[in-house]
C-alpha cells in the first residue's frame, strides 16, 4: 500500500512538471463559454493545445497546427483596456520543441543563448521570426492585443503561435476596423463576451513551404448578459481581399462547414445561432 502511494505521488509530481501543451484545454477552460471549445472538425492532423501562459498566468487558448505552423484558432474573453501596447519583440513556444520543463512563451534569442536550443530545434514544429520576412503579408494576430486589458495579457498576444500570415491591406484595413470599432459596438451591454478567432488553411506557403497562408480569417463571439447568452455573431474575410463579411453565428458555422467538410460547432448550443 505504501509503495502504491509513493508511485501515485511520483506520478503527480511528474504530471506537475509537464508542459501546458497537452491533448485538451483542461488547464484553461475559462476562455470558452461553459468550458466547451469548438468541436473536433477543426482539429489538424498534428495539433497542439496551448494554454497561452505569460508572467505565470494564462491569457487565452490556442489550437496550433504543428505541420502548417499556424494557429487554427485562439479563444479569449473580450476585455479591452487602457494598458499601453507592450514591447515590439516576439515570442515562440518552447513547449513545442520537445521534452523540456519550460511552461511559458519565450524569445528565440533567450531559448538559444540561455537554454541552449538550436534554431533548427525551434523551427521544427513552429514558425520563427525569419519566416515572416515577406512583403504584402503581416503577422496577423488571432487574439489581438487591443482586445486584452492588462499589459501582461497584451504582451502575451505577441507570440508566433497566435499569428498567421495575413494580407497587409486586410490586416490594416477592414479587419482592423472590425476588431477595433465593430467589436466595441457589438459588445455594448454584454457582461462577458467570449471570442474565437481562426484561420482556414490555404493552398500556398511562405518560408519555402514552412508556413501556410490561410485562405480566410474568421471570428465568432458569444455575448452574455449576466450569465445568460443573449446574442452571438461572426465575421469572415478572404485573405486576399480587403473586405469583411459580418454574419450570424449559425451562418459562420455553415460557411466553415463548407471549408472543413464536416459540421463545425464553435460554441456551446446555448449561444444563439440566428
C-alpha atoms as a PDB file:
ATOM      1  CA  UNK A   1       0.000   0.000   0.000  1.00  0.00           C
ATOM      2  CA  UNK A   2       2.824   2.371   0.892  1.00  0.00           C
ATOM      3  CA  UNK A   3       4.536   1.530  -2.384  1.00  0.00           C
ATOM      4  CA  UNK A   4       1.344   2.337  -4.322  1.00  0.00           C
ATOM      5  CA  UNK A   5       1.006   5.690  -2.566  1.00  0.00           C
ATOM      6  CA  UNK A   6       4.618   6.523  -3.363  1.00  0.00           C
ATOM      7  CA  UNK A   7       4.048   5.664  -7.020  1.00  0.00           C
ATOM      8  CA  UNK A   8       0.923   7.847  -7.092  1.00  0.00           C
ATOM      9  CA  UNK A   9       2.859  10.704  -5.506  1.00  0.00           C
ATOM     10  CA  UNK A  10       5.648  10.330  -8.051  1.00  0.00           C
ATOM     11  CA  UNK A  11       3.137  10.317 -10.896  1.00  0.00           C
ATOM     12  CA  UNK A  12       1.587  13.514  -9.533  1.00  0.00           C
ATOM     13  CA  UNK A  13       4.976  15.210  -9.371  1.00  0.00           C
ATOM     14  CA  UNK A  14       5.779  14.159 -12.915  1.00  0.00           C
ATOM     15  CA  UNK A  15       2.419  15.456 -14.116  1.00  0.00           C
ATOM     16  CA  UNK A  16       3.002  18.824 -12.476  1.00  0.00           C
ATOM     17  CA  UNK A  17       6.273  19.060 -14.353  1.00  0.00           C
ATOM     18  CA  UNK A  18       4.637  18.525 -17.725  1.00  0.00           C
ATOM     19  CA  UNK A  19       4.195  21.438 -20.119  1.00  0.00           C
ATOM     20  CA  UNK A  20       0.874  23.097 -20.850  1.00  0.00           C
ATOM     21  CA  UNK A  21       0.786  21.744 -24.421  1.00  0.00           C
ATOM     22  CA  UNK A  22      -1.342  18.661 -23.862  1.00  0.00           C
ATOM     23  CA  UNK A  23      -4.269  16.980 -25.613  1.00  0.00           C
ATOM     24  CA  UNK A  24      -7.013  19.276 -24.342  1.00  0.00           C
ATOM     25  CA  UNK A  25      -7.674  22.713 -22.856  1.00  0.00           C
ATOM     26  CA  UNK A  26      -8.213  21.254 -19.388  1.00  0.00           C
ATOM     27  CA  UNK A  27      -5.817  23.795 -17.851  1.00  0.00           C
ATOM     28  CA  UNK A  28      -7.612  26.817 -19.340  1.00  0.00           C
ATOM     29  CA  UNK A  29     -11.324  26.097 -19.961  1.00  0.00           C
ATOM     30  CA  UNK A  30     -12.209  29.624 -18.788  1.00  0.00           C
ATOM     31  CA  UNK A  31     -11.647  31.034 -22.287  1.00  0.00           C
ATOM     32  CA  UNK A  32     -14.571  29.035 -23.713  1.00  0.00           C
ATOM     33  CA  UNK A  33     -18.216  29.641 -22.849  1.00  0.00           C
ATOM     34  CA  UNK A  34     -19.332  26.840 -20.495  1.00  0.00           C
ATOM     35  CA  UNK A  35     -15.858  25.377 -20.890  1.00  0.00           C
ATOM     36  CA  UNK A  36     -16.730  23.982 -24.340  1.00  0.00           C
ATOM     37  CA  UNK A  37     -14.168  24.503 -27.140  1.00  0.00           C
ATOM     38  CA  UNK A  38     -15.094  24.066 -30.819  1.00  0.00           C
ATOM     39  CA  UNK A  39     -15.729  20.508 -31.946  1.00  0.00           C
ATOM     40  CA  UNK A  40     -13.032  18.283 -33.395  1.00  0.00           C
ATOM     41  CA  UNK A  41     -13.804  19.053 -37.058  1.00  0.00           C
ATOM     42  CA  UNK A  42     -11.315  21.945 -36.877  1.00  0.00           C
ATOM     43  CA  UNK A  43      -8.537  19.766 -35.476  1.00  0.00           C
ATOM     44  CA  UNK A  44      -5.498  19.399 -37.779  1.00  0.00           C
ATOM     45  CA  UNK A  45      -3.539  16.168 -38.233  1.00  0.00           C
ATOM     46  CA  UNK A  46      -0.778  17.249 -35.859  1.00  0.00           C
ATOM     47  CA  UNK A  47      -2.372  19.544 -33.265  1.00  0.00           C
ATOM     48  CA  UNK A  48      -1.085  21.228 -30.126  1.00  0.00           C
ATOM     49  CA  UNK A  49      -3.484  22.561 -27.485  1.00  0.00           C
ATOM     50  CA  UNK A  50      -1.765  25.573 -25.929  1.00  0.00           C
ATOM     51  CA  UNK A  51      -2.848  27.386 -22.788  1.00  0.00           C
ATOM     52  CA  UNK A  52      -1.018  30.620 -23.584  1.00  0.00           C
ATOM     53  CA  UNK A  53       0.967  31.407 -20.464  1.00  0.00           C
ATOM     54  CA  UNK A  54       2.977  34.524 -19.660  1.00  0.00           C
ATOM     55  CA  UNK A  55       4.068  36.032 -16.335  1.00  0.00           C
ATOM     56  CA  UNK A  56       2.747  32.965 -14.507  1.00  0.00           C
ATOM     57  CA  UNK A  57      -0.825  33.398 -15.774  1.00  0.00           C
ATOM     58  CA  UNK A  58      -2.977  32.091 -18.616  1.00  0.00           C
ATOM     59  CA  UNK A  59      -4.278  34.764 -21.003  1.00  0.00           C
ATOM     60  CA  UNK A  60      -6.007  32.856 -23.842  1.00  0.00           C
ATOM     61  CA  UNK A  61      -6.061  29.432 -25.503  1.00  0.00           C
ATOM     62  CA  UNK A  62      -4.771  28.382 -28.931  1.00  0.00           C
ATOM     63  CA  UNK A  63      -5.194  25.276 -31.044  1.00  0.00           C
ATOM     64  CA  UNK A  64      -1.997  25.107 -33.097  1.00  0.00           C
ATOM     65  CA  UNK A  65      -1.199  23.218 -36.314  1.00  0.00           C
ATOM     66  CA  UNK A  66       2.380  21.955 -35.993  1.00  0.00           C
ATOM     67  CA  UNK A  67       2.589  20.890 -39.650  1.00  0.00           C
ATOM     68  CA  UNK A  68       1.331  24.132 -41.214  1.00  0.00           C
ATOM     69  CA  UNK A  69       2.963  26.191 -38.437  1.00  0.00           C
ATOM     70  CA  UNK A  70      -0.058  28.421 -37.887  1.00  0.00           C
ATOM     71  CA  UNK A  71      -2.784  28.537 -35.233  1.00  0.00           C
ATOM     72  CA  UNK A  72      -6.155  27.023 -36.108  1.00  0.00           C
ATOM     73  CA  UNK A  73      -7.857  29.408 -33.684  1.00  0.00           C
ATOM     74  CA  UNK A  74      -7.305  31.399 -30.497  1.00  0.00           C
ATOM     75  CA  UNK A  75     -10.033  31.753 -27.860  1.00  0.00           C
ATOM     76  CA  UNK A  76     -10.252  34.534 -25.300  1.00  0.00           C
ATOM     77  CA  UNK A  77     -12.538  36.870 -23.383  1.00  0.00           C
ATOM     78  CA  UNK A  78     -13.015  40.288 -24.940  1.00  0.00           C
ATOM     79  CA  UNK A  79     -11.710  42.705 -22.283  1.00  0.00           C
ATOM     80  CA  UNK A  80     -10.199  45.794 -23.930  1.00  0.00           C
ATOM     81  CA  UNK A  81      -8.351  48.059 -21.537  1.00  0.00           C
ATOM     82  CA  UNK A  82      -6.239  51.181 -21.312  1.00  0.00           C
ATOM     83  CA  UNK A  83      -2.902  49.468 -20.718  1.00  0.00           C
ATOM     84  CA  UNK A  84      -0.303  50.602 -23.239  1.00  0.00           C
ATOM     85  CA  UNK A  85       0.749  48.464 -26.187  1.00  0.00           C
ATOM     86  CA  UNK A  86       3.724  46.417 -24.957  1.00  0.00           C
ATOM     87  CA  UNK A  87       7.213  45.814 -26.338  1.00  0.00           C
ATOM     88  CA  UNK A  88       7.851  45.038 -30.001  1.00  0.00           C
ATOM     89  CA  UNK A  89       9.668  41.712 -29.616  1.00  0.00           C
ATOM     90  CA  UNK A  90       8.037  38.352 -30.384  1.00  0.00           C
ATOM     91  CA  UNK A  91       7.844  35.072 -28.513  1.00  0.00           C
ATOM     92  CA  UNK A  92       7.890  31.445 -29.601  1.00  0.00           C
ATOM     93  CA  UNK A  93       6.622  28.412 -27.688  1.00  0.00           C
ATOM     94  CA  UNK A  94       9.291  26.221 -26.031  1.00  0.00           C
ATOM     95  CA  UNK A  95       6.629  23.616 -25.249  1.00  0.00           C
ATOM     96  CA  UNK A  96       6.512  22.712 -28.950  1.00  0.00           C
ATOM     97  CA  UNK A  97      10.227  21.974 -29.126  1.00  0.00           C
ATOM     98  CA  UNK A  98      10.209  18.641 -27.329  1.00  0.00           C
ATOM     99  CA  UNK A  99      10.844  17.430 -23.824  1.00  0.00           C
ATOM    100  CA  UNK A 100      11.597  20.368 -21.546  1.00  0.00           C
ATOM    101  CA  UNK A 101      10.127  21.984 -18.455  1.00  0.00           C
ATOM    102  CA  UNK A 102       9.619  25.488 -19.852  1.00  0.00           C
ATOM    103  CA  UNK A 103       5.935  26.346 -19.478  1.00  0.00           C
ATOM    104  CA  UNK A 104       5.899  29.944 -20.743  1.00  0.00           C
ATOM    105  CA  UNK A 105       6.413  31.597 -24.100  1.00  0.00           C
ATOM    106  CA  UNK A 106       9.920  32.938 -24.611  1.00  0.00           C
ATOM    107  CA  UNK A 107      12.057  34.827 -27.144  1.00  0.00           C
ATOM    108  CA  UNK A 108      14.065  32.863 -29.688  1.00  0.00           C
ATOM    109  CA  UNK A 109      17.286  34.544 -28.549  1.00  0.00           C
ATOM    110  CA  UNK A 110      16.718  33.551 -24.918  1.00  0.00           C
ATOM    111  CA  UNK A 111      15.978  29.941 -25.833  1.00  0.00           C
ATOM    112  CA  UNK A 112      19.172  29.777 -27.887  1.00  0.00           C
ATOM    113  CA  UNK A 113      21.522  31.691 -25.606  1.00  0.00           C
ATOM    114  CA  UNK A 114      20.236  30.731 -22.161  1.00  0.00           C
ATOM    115  CA  UNK A 115      18.650  27.322 -22.680  1.00  0.00           C
ATOM    116  CA  UNK A 116      20.962  26.136 -25.481  1.00  0.00           C
ATOM    117  CA  UNK A 117      18.287  25.175 -28.013  1.00  0.00           C
ATOM    118  CA  UNK A 118      19.242  25.417 -31.664  1.00  0.00           C
ATOM    119  CA  UNK A 119      17.251  27.417 -34.173  1.00  0.00           C
ATOM    120  CA  UNK A 120      16.562  24.209 -36.087  1.00  0.00           C
ATOM    121  CA  UNK A 121      15.011  22.690 -32.968  1.00  0.00           C
ATOM    122  CA  UNK A 122      12.727  25.672 -32.576  1.00  0.00           C
ATOM    123  CA  UNK A 123      11.784  25.671 -36.264  1.00  0.00           C
ATOM    124  CA  UNK A 124      10.808  22.012 -36.363  1.00  0.00           C
ATOM    125  CA  UNK A 125       7.159  22.427 -35.415  1.00  0.00           C
ATOM    126  CA  UNK A 126       6.502  26.180 -35.287  1.00  0.00           C
ATOM    127  CA  UNK A 127       7.149  29.411 -37.139  1.00  0.00           C
ATOM    128  CA  UNK A 128      10.079  31.675 -36.285  1.00  0.00           C
ATOM    129  CA  UNK A 129      10.623  35.368 -36.919  1.00  0.00           C
ATOM    130  CA  UNK A 130      12.665  34.885 -40.099  1.00  0.00           C
ATOM    131  CA  UNK A 131       9.704  33.067 -41.699  1.00  0.00           C
ATOM    132  CA  UNK A 132       7.831  36.382 -41.817  1.00  0.00           C
ATOM    133  CA  UNK A 133      10.412  38.321 -43.821  1.00  0.00           C
ATOM    134  CA  UNK A 134       7.924  38.784 -46.655  1.00  0.00           C
ATOM    135  CA  UNK A 135       6.196  41.754 -48.262  1.00  0.00           C
ATOM    136  CA  UNK A 136       2.443  42.093 -48.570  1.00  0.00           C
ATOM    137  CA  UNK A 137       1.758  39.894 -45.558  1.00  0.00           C
ATOM    138  CA  UNK A 138       1.588  40.957 -41.905  1.00  0.00           C
ATOM    139  CA  UNK A 139       1.943  38.968 -38.718  1.00  0.00           C
ATOM    140  CA  UNK A 140      -1.796  38.896 -38.120  1.00  0.00           C
ATOM    141  CA  UNK A 141      -2.990  38.340 -34.555  1.00  0.00           C
ATOM    142  CA  UNK A 142      -5.861  35.944 -33.920  1.00  0.00           C
ATOM    143  CA  UNK A 143      -6.132  37.048 -30.291  1.00  0.00           C
ATOM    144  CA  UNK A 144      -5.406  40.774 -30.759  1.00  0.00           C
ATOM    145  CA  UNK A 145      -3.545  42.915 -28.274  1.00  0.00           C
ATOM    146  CA  UNK A 146      -6.308  45.529 -28.338  1.00  0.00           C
ATOM    147  CA  UNK A 147      -8.883  43.056 -27.006  1.00  0.00           C
ATOM    148  CA  UNK A 148      -6.980  42.499 -23.751  1.00  0.00           C
ATOM    149  CA  UNK A 149      -6.992  44.536 -20.568  1.00  0.00           C
ATOM    150  CA  UNK A 150      -3.624  44.296 -18.836  1.00  0.00           C
ATOM    151  CA  UNK A 151      -0.117  44.925 -20.080  1.00  0.00           C
ATOM    152  CA  UNK A 152       0.746  41.282 -19.334  1.00  0.00           C
ATOM    153  CA  UNK A 153      -2.192  39.963 -21.327  1.00  0.00           C
ATOM    154  CA  UNK A 154      -1.447  42.294 -24.238  1.00  0.00           C
ATOM    155  CA  UNK A 155       2.176  41.165 -24.157  1.00  0.00           C
ATOM    156  CA  UNK A 156       1.078  37.518 -24.296  1.00  0.00           C
ATOM    157  CA  UNK A 157      -0.552  38.054 -27.701  1.00  0.00           C
ATOM    158  CA  UNK A 158       2.857  38.695 -29.275  1.00  0.00           C
ATOM    159  CA  UNK A 159       3.732  35.062 -29.793  1.00  0.00           C
ATOM    160  CA  UNK A 160       4.095  33.450 -33.206  1.00  0.00           C
ATOM    161  CA  UNK A 161       1.744  30.665 -32.110  1.00  0.00           C
ATOM    162  CA  UNK A 162      -1.004  33.327 -32.195  1.00  0.00           C
ATOM    163  CA  UNK A 163      -0.018  34.671 -35.622  1.00  0.00           C
ATOM    164  CA  UNK A 164      -0.889  33.885 -39.249  1.00  0.00           C
ATOM    165  CA  UNK A 165       0.376  35.433 -42.490  1.00  0.00           C
ATOM    166  CA  UNK A 166      -2.406  37.963 -43.114  1.00  0.00           C
ATOM    167  CA  UNK A 167      -2.845  40.159 -46.157  1.00  0.00           C
ATOM    168  CA  UNK A 168      -1.441  43.561 -45.175  1.00  0.00           C
ATOM    169  CA  UNK A 169      -4.281  45.583 -46.670  1.00  0.00           C
ATOM    170  CA  UNK A 170      -6.846  43.433 -44.824  1.00  0.00           C
ATOM    171  CA  UNK A 171      -4.961  43.458 -41.520  1.00  0.00           C
ATOM    172  CA  UNK A 172      -4.506  47.222 -41.601  1.00  0.00           C
ATOM    173  CA  UNK A 173      -7.864  47.912 -43.247  1.00  0.00           C
ATOM    174  CA  UNK A 174     -11.280  46.280 -42.846  1.00  0.00           C
ATOM    175  CA  UNK A 175     -10.168  43.610 -40.381  1.00  0.00           C
ATOM    176  CA  UNK A 176      -8.695  46.293 -38.146  1.00  0.00           C
ATOM    177  CA  UNK A 177     -11.959  48.227 -38.362  1.00  0.00           C
ATOM    178  CA  UNK A 178     -13.878  45.100 -37.364  1.00  0.00           C
ATOM    179  CA  UNK A 179     -11.534  44.389 -34.431  1.00  0.00           C
ATOM    180  CA  UNK A 180     -11.307  47.914 -33.083  1.00  0.00           C
ATOM    181  CA  UNK A 181     -14.665  49.515 -33.937  1.00  0.00           C
ATOM    182  CA  UNK A 182     -17.301  46.922 -34.823  1.00  0.00           C
ATOM    183  CA  UNK A 183     -16.475  44.741 -31.813  1.00  0.00           C
ATOM    184  CA  UNK A 184     -16.748  47.737 -29.494  1.00  0.00           C
ATOM    185  CA  UNK A 185     -20.216  48.461 -30.893  1.00  0.00           C
ATOM    186  CA  UNK A 186     -21.436  44.871 -30.928  1.00  0.00           C
ATOM    187  CA  UNK A 187     -20.373  44.156 -27.346  1.00  0.00           C
ATOM    188  CA  UNK A 188     -22.203  47.093 -25.780  1.00  0.00           C
ATOM    189  CA  UNK A 189     -24.372  45.795 -22.954  1.00  0.00           C
ATOM    190  CA  UNK A 190     -22.520  42.484 -22.733  1.00  0.00           C
ATOM    191  CA  UNK A 191     -21.331  41.400 -19.311  1.00  0.00           C
ATOM    192  CA  UNK A 192     -18.914  38.864 -20.796  1.00  0.00           C
ATOM    193  CA  UNK A 193     -18.032  38.209 -24.433  1.00  0.00           C
ATOM    194  CA  UNK A 194     -16.299  35.004 -25.470  1.00  0.00           C
ATOM    195  CA  UNK A 195     -14.397  35.203 -28.757  1.00  0.00           C
ATOM    196  CA  UNK A 196     -12.871  32.546 -31.011  1.00  0.00           C
ATOM    197  CA  UNK A 197     -10.830  33.800 -33.973  1.00  0.00           C
ATOM    198  CA  UNK A 198      -9.360  31.430 -36.517  1.00  0.00           C
ATOM    199  CA  UNK A 199      -7.854  30.859 -39.930  1.00  0.00           C
ATOM    200  CA  UNK A 200      -8.841  28.446 -42.700  1.00  0.00           C
ATOM    201  CA  UNK A 201      -5.694  26.814 -44.142  1.00  0.00           C
ATOM    202  CA  UNK A 202      -4.921  27.774 -47.726  1.00  0.00           C
ATOM    203  CA  UNK A 203      -3.001  26.183 -50.578  1.00  0.00           C
ATOM    204  CA  UNK A 204       0.057  28.454 -50.549  1.00  0.00           C
ATOM    205  CA  UNK A 205       3.001  28.890 -48.211  1.00  0.00           C
ATOM    206  CA  UNK A 206       5.777  31.267 -47.250  1.00  0.00           C
ATOM    207  CA  UNK A 207       9.276  30.486 -45.948  1.00  0.00           C
ATOM    208  CA  UNK A 208       9.994  27.797 -48.542  1.00  0.00           C
ATOM    209  CA  UNK A 209       6.858  25.855 -47.703  1.00  0.00           C
ATOM    210  CA  UNK A 210       7.170  26.089 -43.939  1.00  0.00           C
ATOM    211  CA  UNK A 211       4.261  28.389 -43.019  1.00  0.00           C
ATOM    212  CA  UNK A 212       0.773  28.168 -44.502  1.00  0.00           C
ATOM    213  CA  UNK A 213      -1.029  31.254 -45.808  1.00  0.00           C
ATOM    214  CA  UNK A 214      -4.697  30.993 -44.729  1.00  0.00           C
ATOM    215  CA  UNK A 215      -7.395  31.366 -47.355  1.00  0.00           C
ATOM    216  CA  UNK A 216      -9.770  33.006 -44.853  1.00  0.00           C
ATOM    217  CA  UNK A 217      -9.686  34.728 -41.473  1.00  0.00           C
ATOM    218  CA  UNK A 218     -12.798  34.374 -39.307  1.00  0.00           C
ATOM    219  CA  UNK A 219     -14.052  35.353 -35.868  1.00  0.00           C
ATOM    220  CA  UNK A 220     -17.037  34.390 -33.707  1.00  0.00           C
ATOM    221  CA  UNK A 221     -18.391  35.894 -30.491  1.00  0.00           C
ATOM    222  CA  UNK A 222     -20.971  34.923 -27.872  1.00  0.00           C
ATOM    223  CA  UNK A 223     -22.287  37.718 -25.635  1.00  0.00           C
ATOM    224  CA  UNK A 224     -23.567  37.041 -22.131  1.00  0.00           C
ATOM    225  CA  UNK A 225     -25.758  39.425 -20.171  1.00  0.00           C
ATOM    226  CA  UNK A 226     -25.303  38.342 -16.601  1.00  0.00           C
ATOM    227  CA  UNK A 227     -24.808  34.617 -17.018  1.00  0.00           C
ATOM    228  CA  UNK A 228     -27.145  34.109 -19.989  1.00  0.00           C
ATOM    229  CA  UNK A 229     -26.052  34.082 -23.661  1.00  0.00           C
ATOM    230  CA  UNK A 230     -28.176  36.772 -25.333  1.00  0.00           C
ATOM    231  CA  UNK A 231     -26.616  37.232 -28.771  1.00  0.00           C
ATOM    232  CA  UNK A 232     -23.824  35.933 -30.969  1.00  0.00           C
ATOM    233  CA  UNK A 233     -22.268  36.846 -34.284  1.00  0.00           C
ATOM    234  CA  UNK A 234     -19.478  36.075 -36.687  1.00  0.00           C
ATOM    235  CA  UNK A 235     -17.244  37.616 -39.338  1.00  0.00           C
ATOM    236  CA  UNK A 236     -15.183  36.176 -42.182  1.00  0.00           C
ATOM    237  CA  UNK A 237     -12.765  37.598 -44.733  1.00  0.00           C
ATOM    238  CA  UNK A 238     -10.922  36.190 -47.713  1.00  0.00           C
ATOM    239  CA  UNK A 239      -7.243  36.678 -47.041  1.00  0.00           C
ATOM    240  CA  UNK A 240      -6.524  38.240 -50.430  1.00  0.00           C
ATOM    241  CA  UNK A 241      -9.246  40.916 -50.236  1.00  0.00           C
ATOM    242  CA  UNK A 242      -9.799  43.932 -48.002  1.00  0.00           C
ATOM    243  CA  UNK A 243     -13.407  43.006 -47.200  1.00  0.00           C
ATOM    244  CA  UNK A 244     -15.094  41.642 -44.055  1.00  0.00           C
ATOM    245  CA  UNK A 245     -18.495  39.951 -44.136  1.00  0.00           C
ATOM    246  CA  UNK A 246     -20.472  40.041 -40.894  1.00  0.00           C
ATOM    247  CA  UNK A 247     -22.727  37.047 -40.251  1.00  0.00           C
ATOM    248  CA  UNK A 248     -24.830  35.338 -37.631  1.00  0.00           C
ATOM    249  CA  UNK A 249     -23.035  32.640 -35.650  1.00  0.00           C
ATOM    250  CA  UNK A 250     -25.062  29.992 -37.454  1.00  0.00           C
ATOM    251  CA  UNK A 251     -24.121  31.381 -40.857  1.00  0.00           C
ATOM    252  CA  UNK A 252     -20.437  31.423 -39.945  1.00  0.00           C
ATOM    253  CA  UNK A 253     -20.583  27.818 -38.759  1.00  0.00           C
ATOM    254  CA  UNK A 254     -22.255  26.840 -42.034  1.00  0.00           C
ATOM    255  CA  UNK A 255     -19.561  28.630 -44.024  1.00  0.00           C
ATOM    256  CA  UNK A 256     -16.793  26.924 -42.071  1.00  0.00           C
ATOM    257  CA  UNK A 257     -18.552  23.579 -42.508  1.00  0.00           C
ATOM    258  CA  UNK A 258     -18.117  24.034 -46.257  1.00  0.00           C
ATOM    259  CA  UNK A 259     -14.394  24.704 -45.872  1.00  0.00           C
ATOM    260  CA  UNK A 260     -13.730  21.867 -43.432  1.00  0.00           C
ATOM    261  CA  UNK A 261     -16.090  19.259 -44.960  1.00  0.00           C
ATOM    262  CA  UNK A 262     -17.629  18.454 -41.602  1.00  0.00           C
ATOM    263  CA  UNK A 263     -20.211  20.108 -39.360  1.00  0.00           C
ATOM    264  CA  UNK A 264     -18.461  22.858 -37.401  1.00  0.00           C
ATOM    265  CA  UNK A 265     -19.725  23.886 -33.962  1.00  0.00           C
ATOM    266  CA  UNK A 266     -17.844  26.812 -32.415  1.00  0.00           C
ATOM    267  CA  UNK A 267     -19.779  27.470 -29.187  1.00  0.00           C
ATOM    268  CA  UNK A 268     -21.977  25.713 -26.689  1.00  0.00           C
ATOM    269  CA  UNK A 269     -25.514  25.321 -28.091  1.00  0.00           C
ATOM    270  CA  UNK A 270     -26.876  27.984 -25.718  1.00  0.00           C
ATOM    271  CA  UNK A 271     -25.276  30.718 -27.833  1.00  0.00           C
ATOM    272  CA  UNK A 272     -27.872  31.978 -30.357  1.00  0.00           C
ATOM    273  CA  UNK A 273     -27.275  30.868 -33.948  1.00  0.00           C
ATOM    274  CA  UNK A 274     -29.575  33.437 -35.621  1.00  0.00           C
END
